[in-house]
PDB file of N, CA and C in Angstrom:
ATOM      1  N   VAL A   1     -60.644 119.708  29.139  1.00  0.00           N
ATOM      2  CA  VAL A   1     -60.107 120.283  30.457  1.00  0.00           C
ATOM      3  C   VAL A   1     -59.831 118.707  31.560  1.00  0.00           C
ATOM      4  N   HIS A   2     -58.961 118.158  32.446  1.00  0.00           N
ATOM      5  CA  HIS A   2     -58.365 117.329  32.608  1.00  0.00           C
ATOM      6  C   HIS A   2     -58.669 117.492  33.834  1.00  0.00           C
ATOM      7  N   LYS A   3     -59.337 116.532  34.185  1.00  0.00           N
ATOM      8  CA  LYS A   3     -59.471 116.113  35.935  1.00  0.00           C
ATOM      9  C   LYS A   3     -58.469 116.069  36.442  1.00  0.00           C
ATOM     10  N   LYS A   4     -58.809 116.175  37.883  1.00  0.00           N
ATOM     11  CA  LYS A   4     -57.085 115.853  38.282  1.00  0.00           C
ATOM     12  C   LYS A   4     -57.589 114.744  39.130  1.00  0.00           C
ATOM     13  N   THR A   5     -56.739 113.972  39.570  1.00  0.00           N
ATOM     14  CA  THR A   5     -57.328 112.294  39.906  1.00  0.00           C
ATOM     15  C   THR A   5     -56.167 111.659  41.523  1.00  0.00           C
ATOM     16  N   SER A   6     -56.860 112.206  42.558  1.00  0.00           N
ATOM     17  CA  SER A   6     -54.992 111.440  43.473  1.00  0.00           C
ATOM     18  C   SER A   6     -55.289 110.185  43.229  1.00  0.00           C
ATOM     19  N   LEU A   7     -53.466 109.432  43.193  1.00  0.00           N
ATOM     20  CA  LEU A   7     -53.291 108.425  43.449  1.00  0.00           C
ATOM     21  C   LEU A   7     -53.875 107.721  44.610  1.00  0.00           C
ATOM     22  N   LEU A   8     -53.767 108.202  45.113  1.00  0.00           N
ATOM     23  CA  LEU A   8     -54.196 107.759  46.963  1.00  0.00           C
ATOM     24  C   LEU A   8     -56.345 107.196  46.614  1.00  0.00           C
ATOM     25  N   ARG A   9     -56.855 106.441  46.730  1.00  0.00           N
ATOM     26  CA  ARG A   9     -58.123 106.158  46.988  1.00  0.00           C
ATOM     27  C   ARG A   9     -58.087 106.568  48.737  1.00  0.00           C
ATOM     28  N   PRO A  10     -59.580 106.173  48.849  1.00  0.00           N
ATOM     29  CA  PRO A  10     -60.354 105.580  50.643  1.00  0.00           C
ATOM     30  C   PRO A  10     -59.494 104.616  50.779  1.00  0.00           C
ATOM     31  N   PHE A  11     -59.207 103.693  51.046  1.00  0.00           N
ATOM     32  CA  PHE A  11     -59.905 102.688  51.322  1.00  0.00           C
ATOM     33  C   PHE A  11     -58.573 102.379  51.019  1.00  0.00           C
ATOM     34  N   ASP A  12     -56.714 102.802  50.459  1.00  0.00           N
ATOM     35  CA  ASP A  12     -55.438 102.846  50.463  1.00  0.00           C
ATOM     36  C   ASP A  12     -55.224 103.857  51.857  1.00  0.00           C
ATOM     37  N   PHE A  13     -55.857 104.678  52.444  1.00  0.00           N
ATOM     38  CA  PHE A  13     -55.791 105.003  53.394  1.00  0.00           C
ATOM     39  C   PHE A  13     -56.126 104.571  54.681  1.00  0.00           C
ATOM     40  N   VAL A  14     -56.766 103.683  54.679  1.00  0.00           N
ATOM     41  CA  VAL A  14     -57.137 102.855  55.966  1.00  0.00           C
ATOM     42  C   VAL A  14     -56.197 101.834  55.966  1.00  0.00           C
ATOM     43  N   PHE A  15     -55.985 101.077  54.175  1.00  0.00           N
ATOM     44  CA  PHE A  15     -54.502  99.860  54.795  1.00  0.00           C
ATOM     45  C   PHE A  15     -53.786 100.574  55.366  1.00  0.00           C
ATOM     46  N   ILE A  16     -53.534 101.408  54.673  1.00  0.00           N
ATOM     47  CA  ILE A  16     -51.874 103.189  55.758  1.00  0.00           C
ATOM     48  C   ILE A  16     -52.110 102.427  56.980  1.00  0.00           C
ATOM     49  N   ALA A  17     -53.427 103.201  57.538  1.00  0.00           N
ATOM     50  CA  ALA A  17     -53.882 103.370  59.010  1.00  0.00           C
ATOM     51  C   ALA A  17     -53.572 101.569  59.008  1.00  0.00           C
ATOM     52  N   LEU A  18     -54.465 100.690  58.992  1.00  0.00           N
ATOM     53  CA  LEU A  18     -53.856  99.709  60.100  1.00  0.00           C
ATOM     54  C   LEU A  18     -52.756  98.835  59.973  1.00  0.00           C
ATOM     55  N   SER A  19     -51.858  98.847  59.012  1.00  0.00           N
ATOM     56  CA  SER A  19     -50.639  98.847  58.964  1.00  0.00           C
ATOM     57  C   SER A  19     -49.042  99.606  59.352  1.00  0.00           C
ATOM     58  N   VAL A  20     -50.216 100.665  60.016  1.00  0.00           N
ATOM     59  CA  VAL A  20     -48.908 101.859  60.555  1.00  0.00           C
ATOM     60  C   VAL A  20     -49.050 100.747  61.982  1.00  0.00           C
ATOM     61  N   GLY A  21     -50.563 100.745  62.194  1.00  0.00           N
ATOM     62  CA  GLY A  21     -51.267 100.394  64.198  1.00  0.00           C
ATOM     63  C   GLY A  21     -50.855  98.769  63.935  1.00  0.00           C
ATOM     64  N   ALA A  22     -50.770  97.522  63.727  1.00  0.00           N
ATOM     65  CA  ALA A  22     -49.756  96.679  63.514  1.00  0.00           C
ATOM     66  C   ALA A  22     -48.197  96.772  63.825  1.00  0.00           C
ATOM     67  N   THR A  23     -47.910  97.442  63.078  1.00  0.00           N
ATOM     68  CA  THR A  23     -46.698  97.628  63.320  1.00  0.00           C
ATOM     69  C   THR A  23     -46.063  98.207  64.502  1.00  0.00           C
ATOM     70  N   VAL A  24     -46.741  99.438  65.301  1.00  0.00           N
ATOM     71  CA  VAL A  24     -46.560  99.458  66.781  1.00  0.00           C
ATOM     72  C   VAL A  24     -47.473  99.463  67.374  1.00  0.00           C
ATOM     73  N   PHE A  25     -48.434  97.938  67.390  1.00  0.00           N
ATOM     74  CA  PHE A  25     -48.665  97.040  68.093  1.00  0.00           C
ATOM     75  C   PHE A  25     -47.555  96.052  68.454  1.00  0.00           C
ATOM     76  N   SER A  26     -46.935  96.206  67.415  1.00  0.00           N
ATOM     77  CA  SER A  26     -45.665  94.196  67.064  1.00  0.00           C
ATOM     78  C   SER A  26     -44.196  94.840  68.542  1.00  0.00           C
ATOM     79  N   PHE A  27     -43.863  96.563  68.133  1.00  0.00           N
ATOM     80  CA  PHE A  27     -42.969  96.640  68.983  1.00  0.00           C
ATOM     81  C   PHE A  27     -43.201  96.922  69.961  1.00  0.00           C
ATOM     82  N   ILE A  28     -44.399  97.401  70.593  1.00  0.00           N
ATOM     83  CA  ILE A  28     -45.481  97.478  71.943  1.00  0.00           C
ATOM     84  C   ILE A  28     -44.659  95.910  72.621  1.00  0.00           C
ATOM     85  N   TYR A  29     -45.633  95.050  72.402  1.00  0.00           N
ATOM     86  CA  TYR A  29     -46.112  93.755  72.261  1.00  0.00           C
ATOM     87  C   TYR A  29     -44.226  92.902  72.679  1.00  0.00           C
ATOM     88  N   ALA A  30     -43.041  93.547  71.554  1.00  0.00           N
ATOM     89  CA  ALA A  30     -42.366  92.737  72.040  1.00  0.00           C
ATOM     90  C   ALA A  30     -41.315  93.071  72.696  1.00  0.00           C
ATOM     91  N   ALA A  31     -41.901  95.093  73.012  1.00  0.00           N
ATOM     92  CA  ALA A  31     -40.534  95.733  74.066  1.00  0.00           C
ATOM     93  C   ALA A  31     -40.985  94.725  76.179  1.00  0.00           C
ATOM     94  N   GLY A  32     -42.825  94.414  75.947  1.00  0.00           N
ATOM     95  CA  GLY A  32     -43.155  94.369  77.187  1.00  0.00           C
ATOM     96  C   GLY A  32     -42.972  93.389  77.006  1.00  0.00           C
ATOM     97  N   ARG A  33     -42.646  92.157  76.624  1.00  0.00           N
ATOM     98  CA  ARG A  33     -41.739  90.735  76.955  1.00  0.00           C
ATOM     99  C   ARG A  33     -40.718  90.683  76.798  1.00  0.00           C
ATOM    100  N   ARG A  34     -39.912  91.282  77.035  1.00  0.00           N
ATOM    101  CA  ARG A  34     -38.165  91.208  77.411  1.00  0.00           C
ATOM    102  C   ARG A  34     -38.111  91.391  79.107  1.00  0.00           C
ATOM    103  N   ASP A  35     -39.161  90.385  79.485  1.00  0.00           N
ATOM    104  CA  ASP A  35     -38.987  90.563  81.011  1.00  0.00           C
ATOM    105  C   ASP A  35     -37.481  89.768  81.592  1.00  0.00           C
ATOM    106  N   GLY A  36     -36.576  89.395  80.954  1.00  0.00           N
ATOM    107  CA  GLY A  36     -35.939  88.293  81.710  1.00  0.00           C
ATOM    108  C   GLY A  36     -36.232  86.400  81.963  1.00  0.00           C
ATOM    109  N   ARG A  37     -37.816  86.190  82.397  1.00  0.00           N
ATOM    110  CA  ARG A  37     -38.359  84.878  82.850  1.00  0.00           C
ATOM    111  C   ARG A  37     -38.475  84.672  81.623  1.00  0.00           C
ATOM    112  N   ALA A  38     -38.455  83.199  81.169  1.00  0.00           N
ATOM    113  CA  ALA A  38     -37.992  82.700  80.728  1.00  0.00           C
ATOM    114  C   ALA A  38     -39.721  81.102  81.069  1.00  0.00           C
ATOM    115  N   VAL A  39     -39.951  81.219  79.462  1.00  0.00           N
ATOM    116  CA  VAL A  39     -41.091  80.630  79.972  1.00  0.00           C
ATOM    117  C   VAL A  39     -41.252  79.741  78.277  1.00  0.00           C
ATOM    118  N   ALA A  40     -41.774  78.084  79.132  1.00  0.00           N
ATOM    119  CA  ALA A  40     -42.407  77.479  77.871  1.00  0.00           C
ATOM    120  C   ALA A  40     -43.728  77.470  77.375  1.00  0.00           C
ATOM    121  N   HIS A  41     -44.062  77.533  75.593  1.00  0.00           N
ATOM    122  CA  HIS A  41     -45.316  77.650  75.220  1.00  0.00           C
ATOM    123  C   HIS A  41     -44.882  76.217  75.014  1.00  0.00           C
ATOM    124  N   ILE A  42     -46.462  75.729  75.627  1.00  0.00           N
ATOM    125  CA  ILE A  42     -47.166  74.433  74.718  1.00  0.00           C
ATOM    126  C   ILE A  42     -47.973  74.018  74.205  1.00  0.00           C
ATOM    127  N   GLU A  43     -47.985  74.513  72.554  1.00  0.00           N
ATOM    128  CA  GLU A  43     -49.926  74.117  72.193  1.00  0.00           C
ATOM    129  C   GLU A  43     -49.733  72.360  71.594  1.00  0.00           C
ATOM    130  N   SER A  44     -51.442  72.707  71.674  1.00  0.00           N
ATOM    131  CA  SER A  44     -51.488  70.837  71.079  1.00  0.00           C
ATOM    132  C   SER A  44     -53.256  71.280  70.664  1.00  0.00           C
ATOM    133  N   PRO A  45     -53.421  69.935  70.294  1.00  0.00           N
ATOM    134  CA  PRO A  45     -55.237  70.651  69.732  1.00  0.00           C
ATOM    135  C   PRO A  45     -55.648  70.881  70.741  1.00  0.00           C
ATOM    136  N   SER A  46     -55.128  70.524  72.514  1.00  0.00           N
ATOM    137  CA  SER A  46     -56.318  70.471  73.416  1.00  0.00           C
ATOM    138  C   SER A  46     -56.510  71.787  73.714  1.00  0.00           C
ATOM    139  N   GLY A  47     -55.161  72.694  73.312  1.00  0.00           N
ATOM    140  CA  GLY A  47     -55.326  74.172  73.824  1.00  0.00           C
ATOM    141  C   GLY A  47     -53.900  74.773  74.385  1.00  0.00           C
ATOM    142  N   GLN A  48     -53.887  75.607  74.712  1.00  0.00           N
ATOM    143  CA  GLN A  48     -51.499  76.217  74.924  1.00  0.00           C
ATOM    144  C   GLN A  48     -52.055  76.281  75.916  1.00  0.00           C
ATOM    145  N   TRP A  49     -50.431  76.296  76.408  1.00  0.00           N
ATOM    146  CA  TRP A  49     -50.219  76.194  78.124  1.00  0.00           C
ATOM    147  C   TRP A  49     -49.081  77.054  78.087  1.00  0.00           C
ATOM    148  N   VAL A  50     -48.753  77.490  79.305  1.00  0.00           N
ATOM    149  CA  VAL A  50     -47.028  78.313  79.862  1.00  0.00           C
ATOM    150  C   VAL A  50     -46.737  78.319  80.918  1.00  0.00           C
ATOM    151  N   TYR A  51     -45.582  77.331  81.337  1.00  0.00           N
ATOM    152  CA  TYR A  51     -44.779  77.305  82.360  1.00  0.00           C
ATOM    153  C   TYR A  51     -43.852  77.691  82.479  1.00  0.00           C
ATOM    154  N   PRO A  52     -43.490  78.264  83.670  1.00  0.00           N
ATOM    155  CA  PRO A  52     -42.097  79.330  83.785  1.00  0.00           C
ATOM    156  C   PRO A  52     -40.680  78.280  83.729  1.00  0.00           C
ATOM    157  N   LEU A  53     -40.048  78.054  82.792  1.00  0.00           N
ATOM    158  CA  LEU A  53     -38.524  77.112  83.331  1.00  0.00           C
ATOM    159  C   LEU A  53     -37.933  77.691  84.464  1.00  0.00           C
ATOM    160  N   ASP A  54     -38.256  78.022  85.761  1.00  0.00           N
ATOM    161  CA  ASP A  54     -37.768  78.323  86.895  1.00  0.00           C
ATOM    162  C   ASP A  54     -37.887  77.557  87.571  1.00  0.00           C
ATOM    163  N   ARG A  55     -38.795  76.711  87.300  1.00  0.00           N
ATOM    164  CA  ARG A  55     -39.915  75.937  88.812  1.00  0.00           C
ATOM    165  C   ARG A  55     -39.846  74.410  87.492  1.00  0.00           C
ATOM    166  N   ASP A  56     -39.489  73.387  88.292  1.00  0.00           N
ATOM    167  CA  ASP A  56     -39.488  71.995  88.076  1.00  0.00           C
ATOM    168  C   ASP A  56     -40.290  71.676  88.292  1.00  0.00           C
ATOM    169  N   GLU A  57     -41.319  70.702  87.102  1.00  0.00           N
ATOM    170  CA  GLU A  57     -42.114  70.404  87.432  1.00  0.00           C
ATOM    171  C   GLU A  57     -42.063  69.764  86.057  1.00  0.00           C
ATOM    172  N   GLU A  58     -42.663  68.137  85.780  1.00  0.00           N
ATOM    173  CA  GLU A  58     -43.847  67.691  84.299  1.00  0.00           C
ATOM    174  C   GLU A  58     -45.303  67.161  84.732  1.00  0.00           C
ATOM    175  N   VAL A  59     -45.555  67.384  83.149  1.00  0.00           N
ATOM    176  CA  VAL A  59     -46.667  67.848  83.491  1.00  0.00           C
ATOM    177  C   VAL A  59     -47.241  66.667  81.807  1.00  0.00           C
ATOM    178  N   ARG A  60     -48.359  66.131  81.249  1.00  0.00           N
ATOM    179  CA  ARG A  60     -48.787  65.652  80.899  1.00  0.00           C
ATOM    180  C   ARG A  60     -50.137  66.964  79.660  1.00  0.00           C
ATOM    181  N   ILE A  61     -49.468  66.053  78.581  1.00  0.00           N
ATOM    182  CA  ILE A  61     -50.393  67.335  77.233  1.00  0.00           C
ATOM    183  C   ILE A  61     -51.184  66.474  76.244  1.00  0.00           C
ATOM    184  N   PRO A  62     -52.526  66.726  76.044  1.00  0.00           N
ATOM    185  CA  PRO A  62     -53.158  65.334  75.807  1.00  0.00           C
ATOM    186  C   PRO A  62     -53.040  65.909  74.043  1.00  0.00           C
ATOM    187  N   GLY A  63     -52.241  65.029  72.748  1.00  0.00           N
ATOM    188  CA  GLY A  63     -52.226  65.369  71.594  1.00  0.00           C
ATOM    189  C   GLY A  63     -53.056  64.179  71.015  1.00  0.00           C
ATOM    190  N   ALA A  64     -53.263  64.326  69.916  1.00  0.00           N
ATOM    191  CA  ALA A  64     -53.893  63.146  69.009  1.00  0.00           C
ATOM    192  C   ALA A  64     -53.866  62.756  68.815  1.00  0.00           C
ATOM    193  N   ILE A  65     -52.315  61.253  69.359  1.00  0.00           N
ATOM    194  CA  ILE A  65     -52.365  60.022  69.328  1.00  0.00           C
ATOM    195  C   ILE A  65     -52.053  59.165  70.559  1.00  0.00           C
ATOM    196  N   GLY A  66     -52.633  60.267  72.484  1.00  0.00           N
ATOM    197  CA  GLY A  66     -52.084  60.417  73.711  1.00  0.00           C
ATOM    198  C   GLY A  66     -51.015  61.542  73.796  1.00  0.00           C
ATOM    199  N   ASP A  67     -51.105  60.895  75.429  1.00  0.00           N
ATOM    200  CA  ASP A  67     -50.588  61.929  75.698  1.00  0.00           C
ATOM    201  C   ASP A  67     -49.011  61.737  75.879  1.00  0.00           C
ATOM    202  N   SER A  68     -47.941  63.464  75.840  1.00  0.00           N
ATOM    203  CA  SER A  68     -47.165  63.496  76.005  1.00  0.00           C
ATOM    204  C   SER A  68     -46.424  64.151  77.451  1.00  0.00           C
ATOM    205  N   ARG A  69     -45.882  63.540  78.186  1.00  0.00           N
ATOM    206  CA  ARG A  69     -45.168  63.649  79.013  1.00  0.00           C
ATOM    207  C   ARG A  69     -44.052  64.694  78.566  1.00  0.00           C
ATOM    208  N   ILE A  70     -43.961  66.158  79.117  1.00  0.00           N
ATOM    209  CA  ILE A  70     -43.399  67.606  79.009  1.00  0.00           C
ATOM    210  C   ILE A  70     -42.497  67.516  79.882  1.00  0.00           C
ATOM    211  N   ALA A  71     -41.172  67.328  80.704  1.00  0.00           N
ATOM    212  CA  ALA A  71     -39.806  67.993  81.879  1.00  0.00           C
ATOM    213  C   ALA A  71     -39.674  69.525  81.724  1.00  0.00           C
ATOM    214  N   ILE A  72     -39.832  70.214  82.767  1.00  0.00           N
ATOM    215  CA  ILE A  72     -39.492  71.312  82.940  1.00  0.00           C
ATOM    216  C   ILE A  72     -38.556  71.271  84.102  1.00  0.00           C
ATOM    217  N   GLN A  73     -37.278  71.506  83.762  1.00  0.00           N
ATOM    218  CA  GLN A  73     -36.102  70.696  84.465  1.00  0.00           C
ATOM    219  C   GLN A  73     -34.785  71.667  84.564  1.00  0.00           C
ATOM    220  N   GLY A  74     -34.055  72.400  85.444  1.00  0.00           N
ATOM    221  CA  GLY A  74     -32.867  73.136  85.463  1.00  0.00           C
ATOM    222  C   GLY A  74     -33.360  74.080  84.278  1.00  0.00           C
ATOM    223  N   GLY A  75     -33.958  74.875  84.604  1.00  0.00           N
ATOM    224  CA  GLY A  75     -34.244  76.254  83.185  1.00  0.00           C
ATOM    225  C   GLY A  75     -34.466  75.440  81.875  1.00  0.00           C
ATOM    226  N   THR A  76     -34.110  74.041  81.580  1.00  0.00           N
ATOM    227  CA  THR A  76     -34.538  73.455  80.474  1.00  0.00           C
ATOM    228  C   THR A  76     -36.140  73.040  80.340  1.00  0.00           C
ATOM    229  N   VAL A  77     -36.301  72.988  79.052  1.00  0.00           N
ATOM    230  CA  VAL A  77     -37.915  72.310  78.847  1.00  0.00           C
ATOM    231  C   VAL A  77     -37.756  70.758  77.947  1.00  0.00           C
ATOM    232  N   TYR A  78     -38.461  69.771  77.454  1.00  0.00           N
ATOM    233  CA  TYR A  78     -38.122  68.332  77.241  1.00  0.00           C
ATOM    234  C   TYR A  78     -39.225  67.543  76.600  1.00  0.00           C
ATOM    235  N   PHE A  79     -39.173  66.867  75.856  1.00  0.00           N
ATOM    236  CA  PHE A  79     -40.899  65.994  75.796  1.00  0.00           C
ATOM    237  C   PHE A  79     -40.185  64.370  76.460  1.00  0.00           C
ATOM    238  N   ALA A  80     -40.243  64.368  78.009  1.00  0.00           N
ATOM    239  CA  ALA A  80     -39.907  63.423  78.485  1.00  0.00           C
ATOM    240  C   ALA A  80     -40.034  62.018  78.146  1.00  0.00           C
ATOM    241  N   ASP A  81     -41.263  61.847  76.868  1.00  0.00           N
ATOM    242  CA  ASP A  81     -41.991  61.126  76.831  1.00  0.00           C
ATOM    243  C   ASP A  81     -43.108  61.177  75.965  1.00  0.00           C
ATOM    244  N   SER A  82     -43.517  60.415  74.744  1.00  0.00           N
ATOM    245  CA  SER A  82     -44.633  60.925  73.983  1.00  0.00           C
ATOM    246  C   SER A  82     -44.820  59.355  72.782  1.00  0.00           C
ATOM    247  N   PRO A  83     -46.357  58.964  72.670  1.00  0.00           N
ATOM    248  CA  PRO A  83     -46.759  58.654  72.576  1.00  0.00           C
ATOM    249  C   PRO A  83     -46.209  57.916  70.841  1.00  0.00           C
ATOM    250  N   CYS A  84     -45.511  59.055  70.170  1.00  0.00           N
ATOM    251  CA  CYS A  84     -45.241  58.719  68.464  1.00  0.00           C
ATOM    252  C   CYS A  84     -44.579  57.029  68.894  1.00  0.00           C
ATOM    253  N   ALA A  85     -43.906  56.565  67.342  1.00  0.00           N
ATOM    254  CA  ALA A  85     -43.069  55.812  66.983  1.00  0.00           C
ATOM    255  C   ALA A  85     -41.849  55.477  66.684  1.00  0.00           C
ATOM    256  N   ASN A  86     -42.073  56.963  66.441  1.00  0.00           N
ATOM    257  CA  ASN A  86     -40.426  57.381  66.350  1.00  0.00           C
ATOM    258  C   ASN A  86     -39.802  57.961  67.699  1.00  0.00           C
ATOM    259  N   LYS A  87     -40.168  58.571  68.155  1.00  0.00           N
ATOM    260  CA  LYS A  87     -39.833  58.995  68.877  1.00  0.00           C
ATOM    261  C   LYS A  87     -38.395  59.974  69.345  1.00  0.00           C
ATOM    262  N   VAL A  88     -38.881  61.195  67.552  1.00  0.00           N
ATOM    263  CA  VAL A  88     -37.516  62.095  67.404  1.00  0.00           C
ATOM    264  C   VAL A  88     -37.456  62.635  68.373  1.00  0.00           C
ATOM    265  N   CYS A  89     -39.393  63.310  68.494  1.00  0.00           N
ATOM    266  CA  CYS A  89     -39.326  64.648  70.131  1.00  0.00           C
ATOM    267  C   CYS A  89     -38.229  63.601  70.984  1.00  0.00           C
ATOM    268  N   VAL A  90     -38.938  62.715  71.994  1.00  0.00           N
ATOM    269  CA  VAL A  90     -38.323  62.690  72.773  1.00  0.00           C
ATOM    270  C   VAL A  90     -36.321  62.676  73.445  1.00  0.00           C
ATOM    271  N   ILE A  91     -35.421  62.096  72.017  1.00  0.00           N
ATOM    272  CA  ILE A  91     -34.612  62.555  71.713  1.00  0.00           C
ATOM    273  C   ILE A  91     -33.829  64.127  71.632  1.00  0.00           C
ATOM    274  N   HIS A  92     -34.685  64.381  70.793  1.00  0.00           N
ATOM    275  CA  HIS A  92     -34.434  66.115  70.730  1.00  0.00           C
ATOM    276  C   HIS A  92     -33.594  66.621  72.479  1.00  0.00           C
ATOM    277  N   GLN A  93     -32.666  67.862  72.021  1.00  0.00           N
ATOM    278  CA  GLN A  93     -31.820  68.217  73.020  1.00  0.00           C
ATOM    279  C   GLN A  93     -32.800  68.809  73.710  1.00  0.00           C
ATOM    280  N   PRO A  94     -32.881  69.262  74.863  1.00  0.00           N
ATOM    281  CA  PRO A  94     -33.134  70.149  76.243  1.00  0.00           C
ATOM    282  C   PRO A  94     -33.717  72.156  75.221  1.00  0.00           C
ATOM    283  N   LEU A  95     -34.551  71.968  75.378  1.00  0.00           N
ATOM    284  CA  LEU A  95     -35.102  73.615  75.227  1.00  0.00           C
ATOM    285  C   LEU A  95     -34.517  74.457  76.431  1.00  0.00           C
ATOM    286  N   SER A  96     -33.849  75.812  76.244  1.00  0.00           N
ATOM    287  CA  SER A  96     -33.230  76.403  77.267  1.00  0.00           C
ATOM    288  C   SER A  96     -33.173  78.162  77.163  1.00  0.00           C
ATOM    289  N   LEU A  97     -32.165  78.625  75.342  1.00  0.00           N
ATOM    290  CA  LEU A  97     -32.755  79.736  74.890  1.00  0.00           C
ATOM    291  C   LEU A  97     -33.912  80.463  74.204  1.00  0.00           C
ATOM    292  N   ASN A  98     -34.183  81.433  73.783  1.00  0.00           N
ATOM    293  CA  ASN A  98     -35.997  81.972  73.740  1.00  0.00           C
ATOM    294  C   ASN A  98     -35.199  81.612  72.034  1.00  0.00           C
ATOM    295  N   GLY A  99     -36.550  80.923  71.724  1.00  0.00           N
ATOM    296  CA  GLY A  99     -36.792  80.737  69.442  1.00  0.00           C
ATOM    297  C   GLY A  99     -36.892  79.641  69.953  1.00  0.00           C
ATOM    298  N   GLU A 100     -35.753  78.858  70.547  1.00  0.00           N
ATOM    299  CA  GLU A 100     -35.544  77.169  71.019  1.00  0.00           C
ATOM    300  C   GLU A 100     -37.233  76.708  70.649  1.00  0.00           C
ATOM    301  N   TRP A 101     -37.267  75.537  69.923  1.00  0.00           N
ATOM    302  CA  TRP A 101     -38.168  75.130  69.636  1.00  0.00           C
ATOM    303  C   TRP A 101     -38.142  73.429  69.625  1.00  0.00           C
ATOM    304  N   ALA A 102     -39.107  72.272  69.682  1.00  0.00           N
ATOM    305  CA  ALA A 102     -39.460  71.146  69.317  1.00  0.00           C
ATOM    306  C   ALA A 102     -40.730  70.693  69.231  1.00  0.00           C
ATOM    307  N   ALA A 103     -41.268  69.584  68.645  1.00  0.00           N
ATOM    308  CA  ALA A 103     -42.361  68.919  68.268  1.00  0.00           C
ATOM    309  C   ALA A 103     -42.799  67.835  67.665  1.00  0.00           C
ATOM    310  N   CYS A 104     -43.658  67.260  68.037  1.00  0.00           N
ATOM    311  CA  CYS A 104     -43.804  66.110  68.258  1.00  0.00           C
ATOM    312  C   CYS A 104     -45.408  65.696  67.007  1.00  0.00           C
ATOM    313  N   LEU A 105     -44.322  65.916  65.463  1.00  0.00           N
ATOM    314  CA  LEU A 105     -45.469  65.705  64.479  1.00  0.00           C
ATOM    315  C   LEU A 105     -46.713  64.839  64.552  1.00  0.00           C
ATOM    316  N   PRO A 106     -46.113  64.066  65.633  1.00  0.00           N
ATOM    317  CA  PRO A 106     -47.993  62.286  64.587  1.00  0.00           C
ATOM    318  C   PRO A 106     -48.222  63.162  66.187  1.00  0.00           C
ATOM    319  N   ASN A 107     -47.935  63.408  67.346  1.00  0.00           N
ATOM    320  CA  ASN A 107     -48.980  63.478  67.962  1.00  0.00           C
ATOM    321  C   ASN A 107     -49.529  65.259  68.184  1.00  0.00           C
ATOM    322  N   LYS A 108     -48.812  66.422  67.177  1.00  0.00           N
ATOM    323  CA  LYS A 108     -49.663  67.551  67.233  1.00  0.00           C
ATOM    324  C   LYS A 108     -49.017  68.126  68.727  1.00  0.00           C
ATOM    325  N   ILE A 109     -48.107  67.950  69.014  1.00  0.00           N
ATOM    326  CA  ILE A 109     -47.820  68.714  70.414  1.00  0.00           C
ATOM    327  C   ILE A 109     -45.944  69.588  69.776  1.00  0.00           C
ATOM    328  N   PHE A 110     -46.382  71.106  70.120  1.00  0.00           N
ATOM    329  CA  PHE A 110     -44.843  72.045  69.553  1.00  0.00           C
ATOM    330  C   PHE A 110     -45.193  72.895  71.091  1.00  0.00           C
ATOM    331  N   VAL A 111     -43.183  73.113  71.198  1.00  0.00           N
ATOM    332  CA  VAL A 111     -43.058  73.440  72.800  1.00  0.00           C
ATOM    333  C   VAL A 111     -41.852  74.270  72.182  1.00  0.00           C
ATOM    334  N   ARG A 112     -42.108  76.434  72.649  1.00  0.00           N
ATOM    335  CA  ARG A 112     -40.959  76.498  71.698  1.00  0.00           C
ATOM    336  C   ARG A 112     -40.915  77.512  73.961  1.00  0.00           C
ATOM    337  N   VAL A 113     -39.846  77.749  73.461  1.00  0.00           N
ATOM    338  CA  VAL A 113     -39.151  78.575  74.721  1.00  0.00           C
ATOM    339  C   VAL A 113     -39.314  80.356  74.199  1.00  0.00           C
ATOM    340  N   GLU A 114     -39.408  81.261  75.165  1.00  0.00           N
ATOM    341  CA  GLU A 114     -39.968  82.801  75.130  1.00  0.00           C
ATOM    342  C   GLU A 114     -39.465  83.293  76.229  1.00  0.00           C
ATOM    343  N   GLY A 115     -38.700  84.082  76.069  1.00  0.00           N
ATOM    344  CA  GLY A 115     -38.017  85.365  77.361  1.00  0.00           C
ATOM    345  C   GLY A 115     -37.119  85.014  77.772  1.00  0.00           C
ATOM    346  N   SER A 116     -36.352  84.164  77.371  1.00  0.00           N
ATOM    347  CA  SER A 116     -35.026  84.249  77.939  1.00  0.00           C
ATOM    348  C   SER A 116     -33.798  85.015  77.337  1.00  0.00           C
ATOM    349  N   GLY A 117     -32.438  84.401  77.034  1.00  0.00           N
ATOM    350  CA  GLY A 117     -31.775  85.457  76.129  1.00  0.00           C
ATOM    351  C   GLY A 117     -31.992  84.744  75.081  1.00  0.00           C
ATOM    352  N   ASP A 118     -30.507  85.845  73.902  1.00  0.00           N
ATOM    353  CA  ASP A 118     -30.954  85.507  72.729  1.00  0.00           C
ATOM    354  C   ASP A 118     -30.666  84.305  72.468  1.00  0.00           C
ATOM    355  N   ALA A 119     -31.282  83.686  71.337  1.00  0.00           N
ATOM    356  CA  ALA A 119     -30.649  82.082  71.302  1.00  0.00           C
ATOM    357  C   ALA A 119     -29.442  82.343  70.171  1.00  0.00           C
ATOM    358  N   GLY A 120     -28.666  83.023  70.053  1.00  0.00           N
ATOM    359  CA  GLY A 120     -27.653  83.256  69.928  1.00  0.00           C
ATOM    360  C   GLY A 120     -27.477  83.302  67.350  1.00  0.00           C
ATOM    361  N   VAL A 121     -26.833  83.421  67.746  1.00  0.00           N
ATOM    362  CA  VAL A 121     -26.681  82.750  65.950  1.00  0.00           C
ATOM    363  C   VAL A 121     -26.181  81.578  65.541  1.00  0.00           C
ATOM    364  N   ASP A 122     -27.057  81.460  64.478  1.00  0.00           N
ATOM    365  CA  ASP A 122     -27.315  79.769  63.844  1.00  0.00           C
ATOM    366  C   ASP A 122     -26.057  79.819  62.853  1.00  0.00           C
ATOM    367  N   ALA A 123     -25.810  81.148  61.896  1.00  0.00           N
ATOM    368  CA  ALA A 123     -25.278  80.480  60.744  1.00  0.00           C
ATOM    369  C   ALA A 123     -24.500  82.065  59.910  1.00  0.00           C
ATOM    370  N   LEU A 124     -23.105  82.233  59.617  1.00  0.00           N
ATOM    371  CA  LEU A 124     -22.526  83.252  59.047  1.00  0.00           C
ATOM    372  C   LEU A 124     -22.305  82.895  58.069  1.00  0.00           C
ATOM    373  N   ALA A 125     -22.575  84.320  56.834  1.00  0.00           N
ATOM    374  CA  ALA A 125     -22.415  83.986  55.780  1.00  0.00           C
ATOM    375  C   ALA A 125     -21.558  85.177  55.148  1.00  0.00           C
ATOM    376  N   TYR A 126     -20.938  84.807  54.377  1.00  0.00           N
ATOM    377  CA  TYR A 126     -19.624  86.212  54.328  1.00  0.00           C
ATOM    378  C   TYR A 126     -20.314  86.076  51.825  1.00  0.00           C
TER     379      TYR A 126
END
């Protein structure tokens, strides 16, 4: 007599439930963030900051090798100055669209824009 075995084990059901829960949470979070107000998210070893892009200001963010000056002006955000040697972050174009980002790798500071319109198409393949 052969014993009938199930293809799914108890842990499989737990994994499926967690996956469905994570997916639902992601959709709820993404839908709730579409308020149209663009914000700059700034991350460094010292913490995280969020600034609206509709208010002009300049902030100093402490990084791994010193303070970087981040400017928010005219609906854009950009590195105004940073203590890194090559200044690639400073010559980067200002950010204004959802998904755009810039970083000062030596200073370990990362800036990204969220909440504005679509960033557009990067490339097309045929």
